[in-house]
PDB file of N, CA and C in Angstrom:
ATOM      1  N   MET A   1      -7.584 -17.056  18.640  1.00  0.00           N
ATOM      2  CA  MET A   1      -6.246 -17.067  18.036  1.00  0.00           C
ATOM      3  C   MET A   1      -6.347 -17.112  16.537  1.00  0.00           C
ATOM      4  N   LYS A   2      -7.322 -17.746  15.983  1.00  0.00           N
ATOM      5  CA  LYS A   2      -7.372 -17.784  14.508  1.00  0.00           C
ATOM      6  C   LYS A   2      -7.962 -16.412  13.892  1.00  0.00           C
ATOM      7  N   VAL A   3      -8.628 -15.618  14.750  1.00  0.00           N
ATOM      8  CA  VAL A   3      -9.109 -14.362  14.180  1.00  0.00           C
ATOM      9  C   VAL A   3      -8.121 -13.430  13.597  1.00  0.00           C
ATOM     10  N   ASN A   4      -6.930 -13.363  14.274  1.00  0.00           N
ATOM     11  CA  ASN A   4      -5.806 -12.477  13.789  1.00  0.00           C
ATOM     12  C   ASN A   4      -5.405 -13.058  12.480  1.00  0.00           C
ATOM     13  N   ARG A   5      -5.335 -14.223  12.255  1.00  0.00           N
ATOM     14  CA  ARG A   5      -4.802 -14.823  11.075  1.00  0.00           C
ATOM     15  C   ARG A   5      -5.742 -14.604   9.799  1.00  0.00           C
ATOM     16  N   ILE A   6      -6.994 -14.668  10.163  1.00  0.00           N
ATOM     17  CA  ILE A   6      -7.961 -14.372   9.053  1.00  0.00           C
ATOM     18  C   ILE A   6      -7.980 -12.972   8.724  1.00  0.00           C
ATOM     19  N   VAL A   7      -8.031 -12.082   9.705  1.00  0.00           N
ATOM     20  CA  VAL A   7      -7.980 -10.657   9.501  1.00  0.00           C
ATOM     21  C   VAL A   7      -6.883 -10.120   8.685  1.00  0.00           C
ATOM     22  N   THR A   8      -5.688 -10.713   9.161  1.00  0.00           N
ATOM     23  CA  THR A   8      -4.395 -10.356   8.418  1.00  0.00           C
ATOM     24  C   THR A   8      -4.451 -10.639   6.986  1.00  0.00           C
ATOM     25  N   LYS A   9      -4.841 -11.954   6.719  1.00  0.00           N
ATOM     26  CA  LYS A   9      -4.873 -12.418   5.258  1.00  0.00           C
ATOM     27  C   LYS A   9      -6.017 -11.618   4.513  1.00  0.00           C
ATOM     28  N   ILE A  10      -7.016 -11.268   5.031  1.00  0.00           N
ATOM     29  CA  ILE A  10      -8.083 -10.484   4.405  1.00  0.00           C
ATOM     30  C   ILE A  10      -7.596  -9.105   4.150  1.00  0.00           C
ATOM     31  N   VAL A  11      -7.091  -8.394   5.038  1.00  0.00           N
ATOM     32  CA  VAL A  11      -6.575  -7.111   4.814  1.00  0.00           C
ATOM     33  C   VAL A  11      -5.480  -7.099   3.771  1.00  0.00           C
ATOM     34  N   VAL A  12      -4.491  -7.983   3.861  1.00  0.00           N
ATOM     35  CA  VAL A  12      -3.395  -8.048   2.832  1.00  0.00           C
ATOM     36  C   VAL A  12      -3.810  -8.277   1.531  1.00  0.00           C
ATOM     37  N   ARG A  13      -4.852  -9.176   1.380  1.00  0.00           N
ATOM     38  CA  ARG A  13      -5.317  -9.500   0.035  1.00  0.00           C
ATOM     39  C   ARG A  13      -6.096  -8.370  -0.505  1.00  0.00           C
ATOM     40  N   LEU A  14      -6.923  -7.563   0.456  1.00  0.00           N
ATOM     41  CA  LEU A  14      -7.610  -6.528  -0.035  1.00  0.00           C
ATOM     42  C   LEU A  14      -6.707  -5.317  -0.485  1.00  0.00           C
ATOM     43  N   PHE A  15      -5.578  -5.179   0.311  1.00  0.00           N
ATOM     44  CA  PHE A  15      -4.588  -4.250  -0.247  1.00  0.00           C
ATOM     45  C   PHE A  15      -4.089  -4.564  -1.651  1.00  0.00           C
ATOM     46  N   PHE A  16      -3.753  -5.820  -1.838  1.00  0.00           N
ATOM     47  CA  PHE A  16      -3.198  -6.108  -3.173  1.00  0.00           C
ATOM     48  C   PHE A  16      -4.360  -5.986  -4.280  1.00  0.00           C
ATOM     49  N   LEU A  17      -5.565  -6.317  -3.966  1.00  0.00           N
ATOM     50  CA  LEU A  17      -6.587  -6.004  -4.911  1.00  0.00           C
ATOM     51  C   LEU A  17      -6.858  -4.580  -5.164  1.00  0.00           C
ATOM     52  N   LEU A  18      -6.774  -3.814  -4.106  1.00  0.00           N
ATOM     53  CA  LEU A  18      -6.904  -2.372  -4.435  1.00  0.00           C
ATOM     54  C   LEU A  18      -5.679  -1.774  -5.172  1.00  0.00           C
ATOM     55  N   LEU A  19      -4.615  -2.293  -4.897  1.00  0.00           N
ATOM     56  CA  LEU A  19      -3.370  -1.860  -5.603  1.00  0.00           C
ATOM     57  C   LEU A  19      -3.473  -2.290  -7.101  1.00  0.00           C
ATOM     58  N   LEU A  20      -4.032  -3.445  -7.437  1.00  0.00           N
ATOM     59  CA  LEU A  20      -4.235  -3.851  -8.806  1.00  0.00           C
ATOM     60  C   LEU A  20      -5.269  -2.930  -9.469  1.00  0.00           C
ATOM     61  N   ILE A  21      -6.380  -2.741  -8.761  1.00  0.00           N
ATOM     62  CA  ILE A  21      -7.583  -1.983  -9.414  1.00  0.00           C
ATOM     63  C   ILE A  21      -7.055  -0.536  -9.608  1.00  0.00           C
ATOM     64  N   ALA A  22      -6.169   0.067  -8.831  1.00  0.00           N
ATOM     65  CA  ALA A  22      -5.561   1.332  -9.020  1.00  0.00           C
ATOM     66  C   ALA A  22      -4.586   1.459 -10.145  1.00  0.00           C
ATOM     67  N   LEU A  23      -3.979   0.406 -10.474  1.00  0.00           N
ATOM     68  CA  LEU A  23      -2.995   0.294 -11.586  1.00  0.00           C
ATOM     69  C   LEU A  23      -3.683   0.195 -12.801  1.00  0.00           C
ATOM     70  N   VAL A  24      -4.924  -0.512 -12.856  1.00  0.00           N
ATOM     71  CA  VAL A  24      -5.418  -0.976 -14.223  1.00  0.00           C
ATOM     72  C   VAL A  24      -5.949   0.223 -14.971  1.00  0.00           C
ATOM     73  N   PRO A  25      -6.733   1.238 -14.439  1.00  0.00           N
ATOM     74  CA  PRO A  25      -7.236   2.352 -15.431  1.00  0.00           C
ATOM     75  C   PRO A  25      -6.363   3.089 -16.120  1.00  0.00           C
ATOM     76  N   PRO A  26      -5.061   3.497 -15.635  1.00  0.00           N
ATOM     77  CA  PRO A  26      -4.108   4.279 -16.640  1.00  0.00           C
ATOM     78  C   PRO A  26      -3.657   3.404 -17.773  1.00  0.00           C
ATOM     79  N   PHE A  27      -3.555   2.074 -17.713  1.00  0.00           N
ATOM     80  CA  PHE A  27      -3.162   1.185 -18.821  1.00  0.00           C
ATOM     81  C   PHE A  27      -4.201   0.938 -19.767  1.00  0.00           C
ATOM     82  N   LEU A  28      -5.542   0.825 -19.252  1.00  0.00           N
ATOM     83  CA  LEU A  28      -6.616   0.580 -20.177  1.00  0.00           C
ATOM     84  C   LEU A  28      -6.946   1.770 -20.997  1.00  0.00           C
ATOM     85  N   GLN A  29      -6.814   2.974 -20.554  1.00  0.00           N
ATOM     86  CA  GLN A  29      -7.164   4.163 -21.196  1.00  0.00           C
ATOM     87  C   GLN A  29      -6.395   4.332 -22.622  1.00  0.00           C
ATOM     88  N   GLY A  30      -5.082   3.875 -22.469  1.00  0.00           N
ATOM     89  CA  GLY A  30      -4.283   4.020 -23.671  1.00  0.00           C
ATOM     90  C   GLY A  30      -3.667   5.461 -23.911  1.00  0.00           C
ATOM     91  N   ASP A  31      -4.320   6.422 -23.208  1.00  0.00           N
ATOM     92  CA  ASP A  31      -3.685   7.889 -23.371  1.00  0.00           C
ATOM     93  C   ASP A  31      -2.715   8.034 -22.273  1.00  0.00           C
ATOM     94  N   GLN A  32      -1.444   7.965 -22.694  1.00  0.00           N
ATOM     95  CA  GLN A  32      -0.444   8.117 -21.611  1.00  0.00           C
ATOM     96  C   GLN A  32       0.118   9.527 -21.500  1.00  0.00           C
ATOM     97  N   ALA A  33      -0.500  10.405 -22.398  1.00  0.00           N
ATOM     98  CA  ALA A  33      -0.047  11.806 -22.366  1.00  0.00           C
ATOM     99  C   ALA A  33      -0.413  12.468 -21.044  1.00  0.00           C
ATOM    100  N   LYS A  34      -1.528  12.128 -20.484  1.00  0.00           N
ATOM    101  CA  LYS A  34      -1.982  12.698 -19.284  1.00  0.00           C
ATOM    102  C   LYS A  34      -1.072  12.337 -18.045  1.00  0.00           C
ATOM    103  N   LEU A  35      -0.577  11.206 -18.086  1.00  0.00           N
ATOM    104  CA  LEU A  35       0.266  10.711 -16.982  1.00  0.00           C
ATOM    105  C   LEU A  35       1.710  11.347 -17.222  1.00  0.00           C
ATOM    106  N   GLN A  36       2.181  11.678 -18.304  1.00  0.00           N
ATOM    107  CA  GLN A  36       3.524  12.176 -18.550  1.00  0.00           C
ATOM    108  C   GLN A  36       3.645  13.522 -17.925  1.00  0.00           C
ATOM    109  N   HIS A  37       2.620  14.306 -17.806  1.00  0.00           N
ATOM    110  CA  HIS A  37       2.709  15.697 -17.239  1.00  0.00           C
ATOM    111  C   HIS A  37       2.419  15.782 -15.727  1.00  0.00           C
ATOM    112  N   ILE A  38       2.350  14.717 -15.050  1.00  0.00           N
ATOM    113  CA  ILE A  38       2.116  14.776 -13.565  1.00  0.00           C
ATOM    114  C   ILE A  38       3.363  14.524 -12.846  1.00  0.00           C
ATOM    115  N   TYR A  39       3.738  15.311 -11.927  1.00  0.00           N
ATOM    116  CA  TYR A  39       4.941  15.286 -11.245  1.00  0.00           C
ATOM    117  C   TYR A  39       4.674  15.378  -9.727  1.00  0.00           C
ATOM    118  N   LEU A  40       5.071  14.319  -8.933  1.00  0.00           N
ATOM    119  CA  LEU A  40       4.871  14.550  -7.578  1.00  0.00           C
ATOM    120  C   LEU A  40       6.318  15.222  -6.983  1.00  0.00           C
ATOM    121  N   SER A  41       6.134  16.278  -6.467  1.00  0.00           N
ATOM    122  CA  SER A  41       7.323  17.115  -5.960  1.00  0.00           C
ATOM    123  C   SER A  41       7.255  17.156  -4.275  1.00  0.00           C
ATOM    124  N   PHE A  42       8.270  16.877  -3.712  1.00  0.00           N
ATOM    125  CA  PHE A  42       8.482  17.039  -2.284  1.00  0.00           C
ATOM    126  C   PHE A  42       9.434  18.335  -2.044  1.00  0.00           C
ATOM    127  N   HIS A  43       8.879  19.048  -1.151  1.00  0.00           N
ATOM    128  CA  HIS A  43       9.600  20.392  -0.801  1.00  0.00           C
ATOM    129  C   HIS A  43      10.898  19.920  -0.068  1.00  0.00           C
ATOM    130  N   TYR A  44      10.829  19.032   0.799  1.00  0.00           N
ATOM    131  CA  TYR A  44      12.031  18.613   1.579  1.00  0.00           C
ATOM    132  C   TYR A  44      12.290  17.130   1.428  1.00  0.00           C
ATOM    133  N   LYS A  45      13.453  16.809   1.318  1.00  0.00           N
ATOM    134  CA  LYS A  45      13.827  15.412   1.124  1.00  0.00           C
ATOM    135  C   LYS A  45      13.355  14.376   2.211  1.00  0.00           C
ATOM    136  N   TRP A  46      13.228  15.007   3.477  1.00  0.00           N
ATOM    137  CA  TRP A  46      12.791  14.019   4.539  1.00  0.00           C
ATOM    138  C   TRP A  46      11.400  13.691   4.484  1.00  0.00           C
ATOM    139  N   GLN A  47      10.587  14.357   3.543  1.00  0.00           N
ATOM    140  CA  GLN A  47       9.250  14.056   3.389  1.00  0.00           C
ATOM    141  C   GLN A  47       9.061  12.571   2.703  1.00  0.00           C
ATOM    142  N   MET A  48      10.035  12.124   2.040  1.00  0.00           N
ATOM    143  CA  MET A  48       9.981  10.885   1.492  1.00  0.00           C
ATOM    144  C   MET A  48      10.441   9.653   2.346  1.00  0.00           C
ATOM    145  N   VAL A  49      10.712  10.099   3.597  1.00  0.00           N
ATOM    146  CA  VAL A  49      11.019   8.978   4.565  1.00  0.00           C
ATOM    147  C   VAL A  49       9.780   8.315   4.994  1.00  0.00           C
ATOM    148  N   PHE A  50       8.723   8.881   5.280  1.00  0.00           N
ATOM    149  CA  PHE A  50       7.540   8.309   5.815  1.00  0.00           C
ATOM    150  C   PHE A  50       6.938   7.164   4.838  1.00  0.00           C
ATOM    151  N   PRO A  51       6.851   7.528   3.553  1.00  0.00           N
ATOM    152  CA  PRO A  51       6.309   6.480   2.589  1.00  0.00           C
ATOM    153  C   PRO A  51       7.329   5.279   2.481  1.00  0.00           C
ATOM    154  N   ALA A  52       8.620   5.593   2.504  1.00  0.00           N
ATOM    155  CA  ALA A  52       9.682   4.533   2.420  1.00  0.00           C
ATOM    156  C   ALA A  52       9.686   3.636   3.626  1.00  0.00           C
ATOM    157  N   VAL A  53       9.453   4.219   4.825  1.00  0.00           N
ATOM    158  CA  VAL A  53       9.352   3.418   5.961  1.00  0.00           C
ATOM    159  C   VAL A  53       8.066   2.584   5.890  1.00  0.00           C
ATOM    160  N   LEU A  54       6.928   3.091   5.561  1.00  0.00           N
ATOM    161  CA  LEU A  54       5.670   2.363   5.365  1.00  0.00           C
ATOM    162  C   LEU A  54       5.760   1.179   4.372  1.00  0.00           C
ATOM    163  N   ILE A  55       6.476   1.420   3.354  1.00  0.00           N
ATOM    164  CA  ILE A  55       6.507   0.329   2.272  1.00  0.00           C
ATOM    165  C   ILE A  55       7.601  -0.636   2.703  1.00  0.00           C
ATOM    166  N   LEU A  56       8.733  -0.277   3.189  1.00  0.00           N
ATOM    167  CA  LEU A  56       9.668  -1.243   3.706  1.00  0.00           C
ATOM    168  C   LEU A  56       9.260  -1.971   4.956  1.00  0.00           C
ATOM    169  N   GLY A  57       8.372  -1.365   5.831  1.00  0.00           N
ATOM    170  CA  GLY A  57       7.797  -2.094   6.932  1.00  0.00           C
ATOM    171  C   GLY A  57       6.784  -3.080   6.522  1.00  0.00           C
ATOM    172  N   PHE A  58       6.070  -2.736   5.549  1.00  0.00           N
ATOM    173  CA  PHE A  58       5.034  -3.659   4.949  1.00  0.00           C
ATOM    174  C   PHE A  58       5.631  -4.876   4.363  1.00  0.00           C
ATOM    175  N   ILE A  59       6.773  -4.680   3.602  1.00  0.00           N
ATOM    176  CA  ILE A  59       7.505  -5.773   2.919  1.00  0.00           C
ATOM    177  C   ILE A  59       8.067  -6.688   3.904  1.00  0.00           C
ATOM    178  N   SER A  60       8.737  -6.134   4.888  1.00  0.00           N
ATOM    179  CA  SER A  60       9.336  -6.835   5.909  1.00  0.00           C
ATOM    180  C   SER A  60       8.344  -7.618   6.892  1.00  0.00           C
ATOM    181  N   LEU A  61       7.214  -7.039   7.250  1.00  0.00           N
ATOM    182  CA  LEU A  61       6.222  -7.726   8.003  1.00  0.00           C
ATOM    183  C   LEU A  61       5.698  -8.777   7.368  1.00  0.00           C
ATOM    184  N   LEU A  62       5.330  -8.529   5.951  1.00  0.00           N
ATOM    185  CA  LEU A  62       4.713  -9.524   5.103  1.00  0.00           C
ATOM    186  C   LEU A  62       5.682 -10.722   5.100  1.00  0.00           C
ATOM    187  N   ILE A  63       6.923 -10.602   4.837  1.00  0.00           N
ATOM    188  CA  ILE A  63       7.869 -11.646   4.844  1.00  0.00           C
ATOM    189  C   ILE A  63       7.982 -12.443   6.085  1.00  0.00           C
ATOM    190  N   ILE A  64       8.197 -11.659   7.138  1.00  0.00           N
ATOM    191  CA  ILE A  64       8.218 -12.300   8.541  1.00  0.00           C
ATOM    192  C   ILE A  64       6.945 -13.023   8.783  1.00  0.00           C
ATOM    193  N   CYS A  65       5.839 -12.500   8.478  1.00  0.00           N
ATOM    194  CA  CYS A  65       4.525 -13.217   8.757  1.00  0.00           C
ATOM    195  C   CYS A  65       4.334 -14.356   7.954  1.00  0.00           C
ATOM    196  N   ALA A  66       4.775 -14.334   6.630  1.00  0.00           N
ATOM    197  CA  ALA A  66       4.689 -15.545   5.868  1.00  0.00           C
ATOM    198  C   ALA A  66       5.532 -16.617   6.269  1.00  0.00           C
ATOM    199  N   ILE A  67       6.832 -16.302   6.626  1.00  0.00           N
ATOM    200  CA  ILE A  67       7.745 -17.301   7.069  1.00  0.00           C
ATOM    201  C   ILE A  67       7.239 -17.962   8.462  1.00  0.00           C
ATOM    202  N   LYS A  68       6.702 -17.233   9.280  1.00  0.00           N
ATOM    203  CA  LYS A  68       6.210 -17.863  10.491  1.00  0.00           C
ATOM    204  C   LYS A  68       4.795 -18.331  10.411  1.00  0.00           C
ATOM    205  N   LYS A  69       4.317 -18.340   9.176  1.00  0.00           N
ATOM    206  CA  LYS A  69       2.888 -18.819   8.782  1.00  0.00           C
ATOM    207  C   LYS A  69       1.831 -18.252   9.617  1.00  0.00           C
ATOM    208  N   TYR A  70       1.843 -16.895   9.900  1.00  0.00           N
ATOM    209  CA  TYR A  70       0.866 -16.013  10.524  1.00  0.00           C
ATOM    210  C   TYR A  70       0.522 -16.742  11.938  1.00  0.00           C
ATOM    211  N   LYS A  71       1.488 -17.289  12.666  1.00  0.00           N
ATOM    212  CA  LYS A  71       1.238 -17.721  14.000  1.00  0.00           C
ATOM    213  C   LYS A  71       1.474 -16.778  15.136  1.00  0.00           C
ATOM    214  N   GLU A  72       2.152 -15.689  14.802  1.00  0.00           N
ATOM    215  CA  GLU A  72       2.492 -14.743  15.869  1.00  0.00           C
ATOM    216  C   GLU A  72       1.457 -13.638  15.749  1.00  0.00           C
ATOM    217  N   ALA A  73       0.672 -13.580  16.823  1.00  0.00           N
ATOM    218  CA  ALA A  73      -0.541 -12.546  16.909  1.00  0.00           C
ATOM    219  C   ALA A  73      -0.080 -11.153  16.715  1.00  0.00           C
ATOM    220  N   ASP A  74       1.076 -10.817  17.409  1.00  0.00           N
ATOM    221  CA  ASP A  74       1.468  -9.548  17.503  1.00  0.00           C
ATOM    222  C   ASP A  74       2.063  -9.068  16.190  1.00  0.00           C
ATOM    223  N   LEU A  75       2.864  -9.879  15.502  1.00  0.00           N
ATOM    224  CA  LEU A  75       3.236  -9.455  14.132  1.00  0.00           C
ATOM    225  C   LEU A  75       1.954  -9.305  13.222  1.00  0.00           C
ATOM    226  N   ASN A  76       1.109 -10.212  13.341  1.00  0.00           N
ATOM    227  CA  ASN A  76      -0.190 -10.153  12.488  1.00  0.00           C
ATOM    228  C   ASN A  76      -0.803  -8.774  12.612  1.00  0.00           C
ATOM    229  N   TRP A  77      -1.051  -8.383  13.855  1.00  0.00           N
ATOM    230  CA  TRP A  77      -1.658  -7.180  14.093  1.00  0.00           C
ATOM    231  C   TRP A  77      -0.867  -5.962  13.591  1.00  0.00           C
ATOM    232  N   LEU A  78       0.483  -5.939  13.829  1.00  0.00           N
ATOM    233  CA  LEU A  78       1.338  -5.045  13.135  1.00  0.00           C
ATOM    234  C   LEU A  78       1.130  -4.812  11.717  1.00  0.00           C
ATOM    235  N   LEU A  79       1.159  -6.079  11.092  1.00  0.00           N
ATOM    236  CA  LEU A  79       0.925  -6.074   9.601  1.00  0.00           C
ATOM    237  C   LEU A  79      -0.437  -5.493   9.151  1.00  0.00           C
ATOM    238  N   VAL A  80      -1.511  -5.801   9.972  1.00  0.00           N
ATOM    239  CA  VAL A  80      -2.732  -5.240   9.606  1.00  0.00           C
ATOM    240  C   VAL A  80      -2.671  -3.703   9.877  1.00  0.00           C
ATOM    241  N   LEU A  81      -2.103  -3.159  10.986  1.00  0.00           N
ATOM    242  CA  LEU A  81      -2.078  -1.702  11.127  1.00  0.00           C
ATOM    243  C   LEU A  81      -1.316  -1.093   9.989  1.00  0.00           C
ATOM    244  N   ASN A  82      -0.145  -1.643   9.699  1.00  0.00           N
ATOM    245  CA  ASN A  82       0.689  -1.030   8.552  1.00  0.00           C
ATOM    246  C   ASN A  82       0.032  -1.154   7.395  1.00  0.00           C
ATOM    247  N   THR A  83      -0.669  -2.214   6.954  1.00  0.00           N
ATOM    248  CA  THR A  83      -1.448  -2.281   5.722  1.00  0.00           C
ATOM    249  C   THR A  83      -2.567  -1.344   5.603  1.00  0.00           C
ATOM    250  N   VAL A  84      -3.296  -1.078   6.675  1.00  0.00           N
ATOM    251  CA  VAL A  84      -4.337  -0.063   6.728  1.00  0.00           C
ATOM    252  C   VAL A  84      -3.765   1.315   6.500  1.00  0.00           C
ATOM    253  N   ILE A  85      -2.750   1.670   7.177  1.00  0.00           N
ATOM    254  CA  ILE A  85      -2.138   3.044   7.043  1.00  0.00           C
ATOM    255  C   ILE A  85      -1.638   3.131   5.586  1.00  0.00           C
ATOM    256  N   LEU A  86      -0.993   2.099   5.145  1.00  0.00           N
ATOM    257  CA  LEU A  86      -0.362   2.106   3.775  1.00  0.00           C
ATOM    258  C   LEU A  86      -1.584   2.300   2.655  1.00  0.00           C
ATOM    259  N   THR A  87      -2.617   1.700   2.906  1.00  0.00           N
ATOM    260  CA  THR A  87      -3.905   1.698   2.085  1.00  0.00           C
ATOM    261  C   THR A  87      -4.345   3.165   2.046  1.00  0.00           C
ATOM    262  N   ALA A  88      -4.396   3.804   3.340  1.00  0.00           N
ATOM    263  CA  ALA A  88      -5.014   5.084   3.389  1.00  0.00           C
ATOM    264  C   ALA A  88      -3.994   6.128   2.598  1.00  0.00           C
ATOM    265  N   TYR A  89      -2.765   5.993   2.826  1.00  0.00           N
ATOM    266  CA  TYR A  89      -1.665   6.746   2.120  1.00  0.00           C
ATOM    267  C   TYR A  89      -1.904   6.632   0.564  1.00  0.00           C
ATOM    268  N   GLY A  90      -1.961   5.395   0.141  1.00  0.00           N
ATOM    269  CA  GLY A  90      -2.172   5.039  -1.153  1.00  0.00           C
ATOM    270  C   GLY A  90      -3.335   5.701  -1.808  1.00  0.00           C
ATOM    271  N   ILE A  91      -4.432   5.684  -1.134  1.00  0.00           N
ATOM    272  CA  ILE A  91      -5.754   6.297  -1.584  1.00  0.00           C
ATOM    273  C   ILE A  91      -5.657   7.739  -1.763  1.00  0.00           C
ATOM    274  N   ALA A  92      -5.024   8.299  -0.790  1.00  0.00           N
ATOM    275  CA  ALA A  92      -4.781   9.795  -0.698  1.00  0.00           C
ATOM    276  C   ALA A  92      -3.851  10.143  -1.942  1.00  0.00           C
ATOM    277  N   ILE A  93      -2.849   9.522  -2.272  1.00  0.00           N
ATOM    278  CA  ILE A  93      -1.876   9.706  -3.376  1.00  0.00           C
ATOM    279  C   ILE A  93      -2.783   9.547  -4.665  1.00  0.00           C
ATOM    280  N   TYR A  94      -3.570   8.481  -4.820  1.00  0.00           N
ATOM    281  CA  TYR A  94      -4.353   8.060  -5.992  1.00  0.00           C
ATOM    282  C   TYR A  94      -5.293   9.236  -6.219  1.00  0.00           C
ATOM    283  N   ILE A  95      -5.962   9.760  -5.086  1.00  0.00           N
ATOM    284  CA  ILE A  95      -7.002  10.866  -5.311  1.00  0.00           C
ATOM    285  C   ILE A  95      -6.265  12.100  -5.793  1.00  0.00           C
ATOM    286  N   ARG A  96      -5.193  12.450  -5.341  1.00  0.00           N
ATOM    287  CA  ARG A  96      -4.415  13.587  -5.708  1.00  0.00           C
ATOM    288  C   ARG A  96      -4.031  13.456  -7.115  1.00  0.00           C
ATOM    289  N   ILE A  97      -3.489  12.482  -7.627  1.00  0.00           N
ATOM    290  CA  ILE A  97      -3.115  12.154  -8.988  1.00  0.00           C
ATOM    291  C   ILE A  97      -4.286  12.126  -9.927  1.00  0.00           C
ATOM    292  N   TYR A  98      -5.374  11.629  -9.459  1.00  0.00           N
ATOM    293  CA  TYR A  98      -6.639  11.661 -10.190  1.00  0.00           C
ATOM    294  C   TYR A  98      -7.148  12.959 -10.511  1.00  0.00           C
ATOM    295  N   HIS A  99      -7.027  13.831  -9.511  1.00  0.00           N
ATOM    296  CA  HIS A  99      -7.590  15.224  -9.704  1.00  0.00           C
ATOM    297  C   HIS A  99      -6.586  16.027 -10.586  1.00  0.00           C
ATOM    298  N   MET A 100      -5.416  15.647 -10.732  1.00  0.00           N
ATOM    299  CA  MET A 100      -4.477  16.361 -11.598  1.00  0.00           C
ATOM    300  C   MET A 100      -4.659  16.015 -13.074  1.00  0.00           C
ATOM    301  N   MET A 101      -5.369  14.846 -13.329  1.00  0.00           N
ATOM    302  CA  MET A 101      -5.528  14.450 -14.756  1.00  0.00           C
ATOM    303  C   MET A 101      -6.699  15.029 -15.405  1.00  0.00           C
TER     304      MET A 101
END
């Protein structure tokens, strides 16, 4: 029963750590001119639905799991799955933006 609590906390903390690491390099370089000319364009408006659902799902699951103090195993595993998919999506976006610079 405690395994899902530990795994959930590790995965969420790892996600926040990776998010922090991804945000640091553009601010440390000091050259913001590279980032000003990068645009993410979506061909269709519905393509923005998937990232929005992932982010809103992550926020809501994180809040629900924190309120219930990670006692619900099903919610914990849903949060782990959502975090892993969100991490993979974030890494893909980061790699795409990094190649544009």
